[in-house]
Amino acid sequence: MGADESTVSDSFNYYGYPQVVRALGKDYANWDLSRAPIRMNLRRSKTQYNYY
């Protein structure tokens, strides 16, 4: 199942970014990139399809 750019952006902003903040902290300037990559669970809102 594919998703267009706006769907991916909306999904990332709603589901993905909070997961990044939980893993790396609120201030992006202080992110420790050695802790990356992190797992992000994204969901397509229209179909409730999960992307991992």
Protein backbone atom coordinates (compact mmCIF):
# COMPACT_ATOMS: atom_id res chain seq x y z
CA MET A 1 0.00 0.00 0.00
CA GLY A 2 1.51 3.27 -1.06
CA ALA A 3 0.97 6.70 0.39
CA ASP A 4 1.32 10.08 -1.23
CA GLU A 5 3.64 12.77 0.16
CA SER A 6 0.99 14.66 2.10
CA THR A 7 -0.20 11.45 3.78
CA VAL A 8 3.34 10.52 4.77
CA SER A 9 3.99 14.06 6.07
CA ASP A 10 0.79 14.14 8.10
CA SER A 11 1.44 10.69 9.51
CA PHE A 12 5.02 11.55 10.44
CA ASN A 13 4.03 14.84 12.08
CA TYR A 14 1.28 13.21 14.12
CA TYR A 15 2.81 9.82 14.95
CA GLY A 16 6.51 9.90 14.10
CA TYR A 17 7.88 13.13 15.48
CA PRO A 18 6.59 12.54 19.04
CA GLN A 19 8.34 9.16 18.95
CA VAL A 20 11.59 10.82 17.90
CA VAL A 21 11.25 13.36 20.72
CA ARG A 22 10.62 10.59 23.27
CA ALA A 23 13.73 8.76 22.11
CA LEU A 24 16.13 11.68 21.58
CA GLY A 25 14.75 14.59 23.64
CA LYS A 26 12.88 17.82 22.97
CA ASP A 27 15.81 20.01 21.92
CA TYR A 28 16.98 18.82 18.51
CA ALA A 29 20.28 20.68 18.92
CA ASN A 30 21.18 18.26 21.74
CA TRP A 31 20.14 15.02 20.04
CA ASP A 32 22.70 12.25 20.46
CA LEU A 33 22.69 10.75 16.98
CA SER A 34 24.66 7.74 18.19
CA ARG A 35 21.31 6.58 19.63
CA ALA A 36 19.84 6.47 16.10
CA PRO A 37 18.28 4.78 14.25
CA ILE A 38 15.15 4.52 16.32
CA ARG A 39 12.02 2.59 15.50
CA MET A 40 9.04 4.69 14.44
CA ASN A 41 5.55 3.30 14.03
CA LEU A 42 3.55 5.20 11.42
CA ARG A 43 -0.09 4.65 10.53
CA ARG A 44 -1.97 5.70 7.42
CA SER A 45 -5.01 7.40 8.88
CA LYS A 46 -7.32 6.70 5.94
CA THR A 47 -6.87 2.92 6.03
CA GLN A 48 -5.33 2.40 9.49
CA TYR A 49 -2.46 0.59 7.74
CA ASN A 50 0.69 0.40 9.91
CA TYR A 51 4.15 1.16 8.51
CA TYR A 52 7.16 0.01 10.53
